[in-house]
Protein backbone atom coordinates (compact mmCIF):
# COMPACT_ATOMS: atom_id res chain seq x y z
CA UNK A 1 0.00 0.00 0.00
CA UNK A 2 1.27 3.45 -0.95
CA UNK A 3 0.01 6.91 -0.05
CA UNK A 4 1.21 10.08 -1.77
CA UNK A 5 0.37 13.74 -1.27
CA UNK A 6 1.15 15.19 -4.67
CA UNK A 7 4.80 14.32 -5.31
CA UNK A 8 5.56 13.54 -1.69
CA UNK A 9 5.38 9.89 -0.64
CA UNK A 10 4.02 9.52 2.88
CA UNK A 11 3.92 5.70 2.85
CA UNK A 12 5.78 3.53 0.37
CA UNK A 13 4.76 -0.08 -0.33
CA UNK A 14 3.76 -0.81 3.26
CA UNK A 15 3.27 -4.53 3.85
CA UNK A 16 1.85 -5.03 7.32
CA UNK A 17 -0.50 -7.21 9.33
CA UNK A 18 -1.70 -6.01 12.73
CA UNK A 19 -2.51 -9.08 14.84
CA UNK A 20 -5.74 -9.60 16.72
CA UNK A 21 -5.87 -9.28 20.50
CA UNK A 22 -2.74 -7.17 20.86
CA UNK A 23 -1.87 -3.68 22.06
CA UNK A 24 0.30 -2.51 19.19
CA UNK A 25 2.81 0.33 19.50
CA UNK A 26 3.46 2.40 16.36
CA UNK A 27 6.67 4.43 16.66
CA UNK A 28 8.73 6.60 14.36
CA UNK A 29 10.05 10.15 13.98
CA UNK A 30 7.88 13.12 13.09
CA UNK A 31 6.86 12.91 9.44
CA UNK A 32 7.33 9.15 9.27
CA UNK A 33 3.74 8.58 8.15
CA UNK A 34 2.23 7.36 11.43
CA UNK A 35 -0.83 9.63 11.31
CA UNK A 36 -1.30 8.89 7.61
CA UNK A 37 -1.34 5.16 8.31
CA UNK A 38 -3.88 5.55 11.12
CA UNK A 39 -6.10 7.87 9.07
CA UNK A 40 -6.06 5.31 6.27
CA UNK A 41 -7.13 2.62 8.73
CA UNK A 42 -10.02 4.79 9.92
CA UNK A 43 -11.21 5.57 6.41
CA UNK A 44 -10.33 9.27 6.65
CA UNK A 45 -7.91 8.82 3.74
CA UNK A 46 -7.68 6.43 0.80
CA UNK A 47 -4.44 4.81 -0.43
CA UNK A 48 -2.93 6.03 -3.67
CA UNK A 49 -2.25 2.43 -4.66
CA UNK A 50 -2.50 -1.00 -3.09
CA UNK A 51 -5.11 -2.37 -0.71
CA UNK A 52 -6.05 -1.93 2.92
CA UNK A 53 -8.42 -4.04 4.99
CA UNK A 54 -9.48 -3.41 8.56
CA UNK A 55 -11.38 -6.15 10.42
CA UNK A 56 -11.74 -7.95 7.12
CA UNK A 57 -13.32 -5.05 5.18
CA UNK A 58 -12.39 -1.79 3.53
CA UNK A 59 -12.10 0.99 6.13
CA UNK A 60 -15.37 2.83 6.82
CA UNK A 61 -17.11 0.59 4.30
CA UNK A 62 -20.43 1.01 6.11
CA UNK A 63 -21.98 2.47 9.25
CA UNK A 64 -21.76 -0.98 10.83
CA UNK A 65 -18.04 -1.14 10.10
CA UNK A 66 -17.47 2.37 11.48
CA UNK A 67 -19.05 1.24 14.74
CA UNK A 68 -16.44 -1.52 15.06
CA UNK A 69 -13.54 0.96 15.18
CA UNK A 70 -12.89 3.58 17.87
CA UNK A 71 -10.51 6.44 17.08
CA UNK A 72 -8.89 9.04 19.35
CA UNK A 73 -6.99 11.70 17.41
CA UNK A 74 -3.84 13.51 18.47
CA UNK A 75 -5.62 16.52 19.95
CA UNK A 76 -8.27 14.32 21.67
CA UNK A 77 -11.07 16.34 20.07
CA UNK A 78 -14.21 17.17 22.04
CA UNK A 79 -16.83 19.88 21.58
CA UNK A 80 -15.89 22.76 23.91
CA UNK A 81 -19.47 24.04 24.32
CA UNK A 82 -20.89 20.57 25.05
CA UNK A 83 -21.13 19.23 28.57
CA UNK A 84 -19.88 15.78 29.51
CA UNK A 85 -23.50 14.57 29.52
CA UNK A 86 -24.03 16.09 26.04
CA UNK A 87 -21.11 14.06 24.72
CA UNK A 88 -22.54 10.85 26.15
CA UNK A 89 -25.99 11.57 24.71
CA UNK A 90 -24.45 12.25 21.29
CA UNK A 91 -22.45 9.05 21.51
CA UNK A 92 -25.59 7.07 22.32
CA UNK A 93 -27.44 8.60 19.37
CA UNK A 94 -24.69 7.90 16.84
CA UNK A 95 -23.58 4.43 17.91
CA UNK A 96 -25.95 1.43 17.89
CA UNK A 97 -23.77 -0.58 20.27
CA UNK A 98 -23.32 2.25 22.76
CA UNK A 99 -22.71 1.05 26.31
CA UNK A 100 -24.22 3.76 28.50
CA UNK A 101 -23.35 2.01 31.75
CA UNK A 102 -19.68 1.77 30.79
CA UNK A 103 -19.58 5.43 29.71
CA UNK A 104 -21.19 6.74 32.90
CA UNK A 105 -19.05 4.53 35.12
CA UNK A 106 -15.85 5.65 33.45
CA UNK A 107 -16.55 9.39 33.44
CA UNK A 108 -17.48 9.17 37.11
CA UNK A 109 -14.25 7.33 37.84
CA UNK A 110 -12.32 10.05 36.00
CA UNK A 111 -13.97 12.65 38.24
CA UNK A 112 -15.96 14.27 35.43
CA UNK A 113 -19.27 15.83 36.38
CA UNK A 114 -22.11 15.53 33.84
CA UNK A 115 -22.63 19.32 33.70
CA UNK A 116 -18.97 20.21 33.15
CA UNK A 117 -18.29 21.89 29.81
CA UNK A 118 -15.61 20.12 27.78
CA UNK A 119 -13.92 23.44 27.02
CA UNK A 120 -13.21 23.93 30.72
CA UNK A 121 -11.67 20.50 31.28
CA UNK A 122 -7.94 19.98 31.71
CA UNK A 123 -5.98 18.25 28.96
CA UNK A 124 -5.99 15.00 30.91
CA UNK A 125 -9.74 15.19 31.52
CA UNK A 126 -10.43 15.84 27.82
CA UNK A 127 -8.30 12.86 26.92
CA UNK A 128 -10.24 10.67 29.37
CA UNK A 129 -13.55 11.89 27.91
CA UNK A 130 -12.40 11.18 24.34
CA UNK A 131 -11.16 7.74 25.38
CA UNK A 132 -14.46 6.96 27.10
CA UNK A 133 -16.49 7.98 24.03
CA UNK A 134 -14.34 5.79 21.76
CA UNK A 135 -14.56 2.79 24.09
CA UNK A 136 -18.28 3.08 24.86
CA UNK A 137 -18.96 2.25 21.20
CA UNK A 138 -17.70 -1.22 22.23
CA UNK A 139 -15.42 -1.41 19.19
CA UNK A 140 -13.29 -4.36 18.20
CA UNK A 141 -10.36 -2.10 17.35
CA UNK A 142 -9.22 1.06 19.14
CA UNK A 143 -6.84 3.43 17.31
CA UNK A 144 -4.93 6.17 19.13
CA UNK A 145 -2.92 8.83 17.28
CA UNK A 146 -0.51 10.18 19.94
CA UNK A 147 -3.40 11.06 22.27
CA UNK A 148 -1.21 11.56 25.33
CA UNK A 149 1.61 13.53 23.71
CA UNK A 150 0.61 16.88 25.25
CA UNK A 151 -0.30 15.55 28.70
CA UNK A 152 1.78 15.92 31.82
CA UNK A 153 3.36 12.69 33.14
CA UNK A 154 0.65 12.02 35.75
CA UNK A 155 -2.23 12.56 33.29
CA UNK A 156 -0.45 10.47 30.68
CA UNK A 157 -0.01 7.61 33.11
CA UNK A 158 -3.70 7.71 34.02
CA UNK A 159 -4.67 7.75 30.35
CA UNK A 160 -2.50 4.72 29.55
CA UNK A 161 -3.82 2.80 32.55
CA UNK A 162 -7.38 3.40 31.38
CA UNK A 163 -6.46 2.43 27.82
CA UNK A 164 -5.21 -0.96 29.01
CA UNK A 165 -8.30 -1.45 31.19
CA UNK A 166 -10.63 -0.66 28.28
CA UNK A 167 -8.83 -3.09 25.99
CA UNK A 168 -9.16 -5.83 28.60
CA UNK A 169 -12.81 -5.04 29.38
CA UNK A 170 -13.85 -4.91 25.73
CA UNK A 171 -11.69 -7.81 24.57
CA UNK A 172 -10.51 -5.47 21.81
CA UNK A 173 -7.30 -4.82 19.92
CA UNK A 174 -5.55 -1.44 20.06
CA UNK A 175 -2.99 0.50 18.05
CA UNK A 176 -1.17 3.29 19.90
CA UNK A 177 0.99 5.77 17.99
CA UNK A 178 3.52 7.56 20.17
CA UNK A 179 7.01 9.04 20.03
CA UNK A 180 7.38 8.34 23.77
CA UNK A 181 9.08 4.95 23.99
CA UNK A 182 8.36 4.71 27.71
CA UNK A 183 4.64 4.71 26.95
CA UNK A 184 5.06 2.02 24.30
CA UNK A 185 7.15 -0.14 26.62
CA UNK A 186 4.61 0.23 29.43
CA UNK A 187 1.47 -0.90 27.59
CA UNK A 188 2.29 -2.51 24.23
CA UNK A 189 3.09 -6.15 23.48
CA UNK A 190 3.57 -5.70 19.71
CA UNK A 191 5.73 -3.12 17.95
CA UNK A 192 5.83 -1.44 14.53
CA UNK A 193 8.74 0.87 13.67
CA UNK A 194 7.84 3.23 10.80
CA UNK A 195 10.57 5.40 9.32
CA UNK A 196 11.35 6.75 5.89
CA UNK A 197 7.75 6.02 4.81
CA UNK A 198 8.34 2.28 5.29
CA UNK A 199 7.90 -0.32 8.01
CA UNK A 200 11.42 -1.07 9.23
CA UNK A 201 10.58 -3.87 11.64
CA UNK A 202 7.43 -5.29 13.23
CA UNK A 203 6.65 -8.08 15.65
CA UNK A 204 5.93 -9.14 19.18
CA UNK A 205 8.04 -7.04 21.55
CA UNK A 206 9.42 -10.03 23.42
CA UNK A 207 10.37 -11.81 20.19
CA UNK A 208 12.06 -8.69 18.81
CA UNK A 209 14.13 -8.21 21.96
CA UNK A 210 15.07 -11.90 22.02
CA UNK A 211 16.08 -11.74 18.37
CA UNK A 212 18.48 -8.80 18.70
CA UNK A 213 21.79 -8.38 20.49
CA UNK A 214 24.45 -5.76 21.09
CA UNK A 215 27.89 -6.92 19.97
CA UNK A 216 31.04 -5.27 21.33
CA UNK A 217 34.13 -5.81 19.19
CA UNK A 218 37.53 -4.23 18.49
CA UNK A 219 37.20 -1.43 15.96
CA UNK A 220 37.00 -2.98 12.50
CA UNK A 221 36.10 -6.39 13.88
CA UNK A 222 32.57 -6.11 12.50
CA UNK A 223 33.60 -5.02 9.01
CA UNK A 224 33.32 -8.56 7.67
CA UNK A 225 29.95 -10.37 7.68
CA UNK A 226 29.30 -12.87 10.47
CA UNK A 227 27.30 -16.00 9.57
CA UNK A 228 23.67 -15.78 10.70
CA UNK A 229 24.00 -12.14 11.81
CA UNK A 230 22.37 -9.06 10.24
CA UNK A 231 24.03 -5.82 11.31
CA UNK A 232 21.43 -3.08 11.86
CA UNK A 233 23.64 -0.27 13.14
CA UNK A 234 27.29 0.16 14.13
CA UNK A 235 28.73 2.88 16.36
CA UNK A 236 32.44 3.41 16.99
CA UNK A 237 33.83 4.48 20.34
CA UNK A 238 37.60 4.82 20.39
CA UNK A 239 39.13 1.40 19.89
CA UNK A 240 35.81 -0.43 20.03
CA UNK A 241 32.71 -0.87 17.89
CA UNK A 242 29.22 -1.54 19.17
CA UNK A 243 26.62 -3.03 16.86
CA UNK A 244 22.91 -3.70 17.04
CA UNK A 245 22.44 -7.02 15.25
CA UNK A 246 19.51 -9.25 14.40
CA UNK A 247 19.90 -12.99 14.87
CA UNK A 248 17.51 -15.91 14.51
CA UNK A 249 19.54 -17.95 16.98
CA UNK A 250 22.80 -17.08 18.69
CA UNK A 251 25.49 -18.67 16.48
CA UNK A 252 28.27 -20.32 18.49
CA UNK A 253 30.85 -18.86 16.09
CA UNK A 254 30.37 -15.24 17.18
CA UNK A 255 33.73 -14.28 18.71
CA UNK A 256 32.45 -11.19 20.56
CA UNK A 257 30.29 -10.64 23.66
CA UNK A 258 26.56 -10.59 22.79
CA UNK A 259 24.48 -8.52 25.22
CA UNK A 260 20.70 -8.01 25.48
CA UNK A 261 19.30 -4.79 24.03
CA UNK A 262 16.66 -2.40 25.31
CA UNK A 263 13.56 -1.42 23.38
CA UNK A 264 15.00 2.09 22.96
CA UNK A 265 18.20 0.73 21.43
CA UNK A 266 16.23 -1.44 19.05
CA UNK A 267 13.94 1.36 17.87
CA UNK A 268 16.72 3.96 17.53
CA UNK A 269 18.90 1.47 15.68
CA UNK A 270 16.31 0.84 12.99
CA UNK A 271 15.45 4.53 12.73
CA UNK A 272 19.11 5.44 12.31
CA UNK A 273 19.60 2.80 9.63
CA UNK A 274 16.52 4.02 7.74
CA UNK A 275 17.58 7.68 7.86
CA UNK A 276 21.06 6.84 6.57
CA UNK A 277 20.02 4.53 3.73
CA UNK A 278 18.62 5.63 0.35
CA UNK A 279 15.11 4.34 -0.27
CA UNK A 280 15.13 1.35 -2.56
CA UNK A 281 12.47 -0.52 -4.49
CA UNK A 282 10.01 -2.73 -2.66
CA UNK A 283 7.56 -5.35 -3.74
CA UNK A 284 3.86 -4.44 -4.04
CA UNK A 285 2.14 -4.93 -0.73
CA UNK A 286 -1.11 -4.66 1.15
CA UNK A 287 -2.04 -3.91 4.72
CA UNK A 288 -4.38 -5.81 7.01
CA UNK A 289 -5.59 -4.87 10.48
CA UNK A 290 -7.21 -7.75 12.35
CA UNK A 291 -9.32 -7.09 15.42
CA UNK A 292 -10.23 -9.38 18.27
CA UNK A 293 -12.42 -12.29 17.29
């Protein structure tokens, strides 16, 4: 799947499957195409070429399909002149599967009074209201486009805790876009790294960490290929070189210490490789987003 804005390519030949029943973290630098990908999944945009299927259908194919997807945008939009109760009434009118009990329970837990105007709420309270409205639809897939980016650490933590609780209560899948790796590490069990308009790596977080190592070698020792080892990024420090490498199994022939890597090292390694490499051709691809069954 490819998406272009005029001559600029926002996404190039993305080939991706989002698994069911996961909390998926989508990370990448500003301008990587994260919001474009999420807007495509919600039906707010259409791909320039290729195909995209969400929960087995084209995005926003029908009103019934729209009801199966909950979306919280980056600025957690609410109507400033509407009260909290107005938002819940509107949600009930627009969504056939609206769960009024869940919505009322959650806004009360967040300390939101029904008569409070949304325009007078704090950033954290607006985010909680937007999250509640998205979840009370009882969707199969929740999509979040950096909803906590502008929140203070305490409000962000509360938002993420509620996100995880909603996913568990609904039995839903979720995709969370964020440039804050701490947030991704806290709540996500699947990772997608998007950089240079392409997916650089994707998979279960535990599998990705198990499949990568940091090698420490004398400078120049990593210049020649090692069997069974893909070098992602090399940094030189005086007489030594440190490399992020991908391995399917730890080959016994590696002559250098192999250390575990952190999620931050993994993400930054792939982002650095993508920013340094010229974009090359890729095979035609499609994208599928599978929700909980």
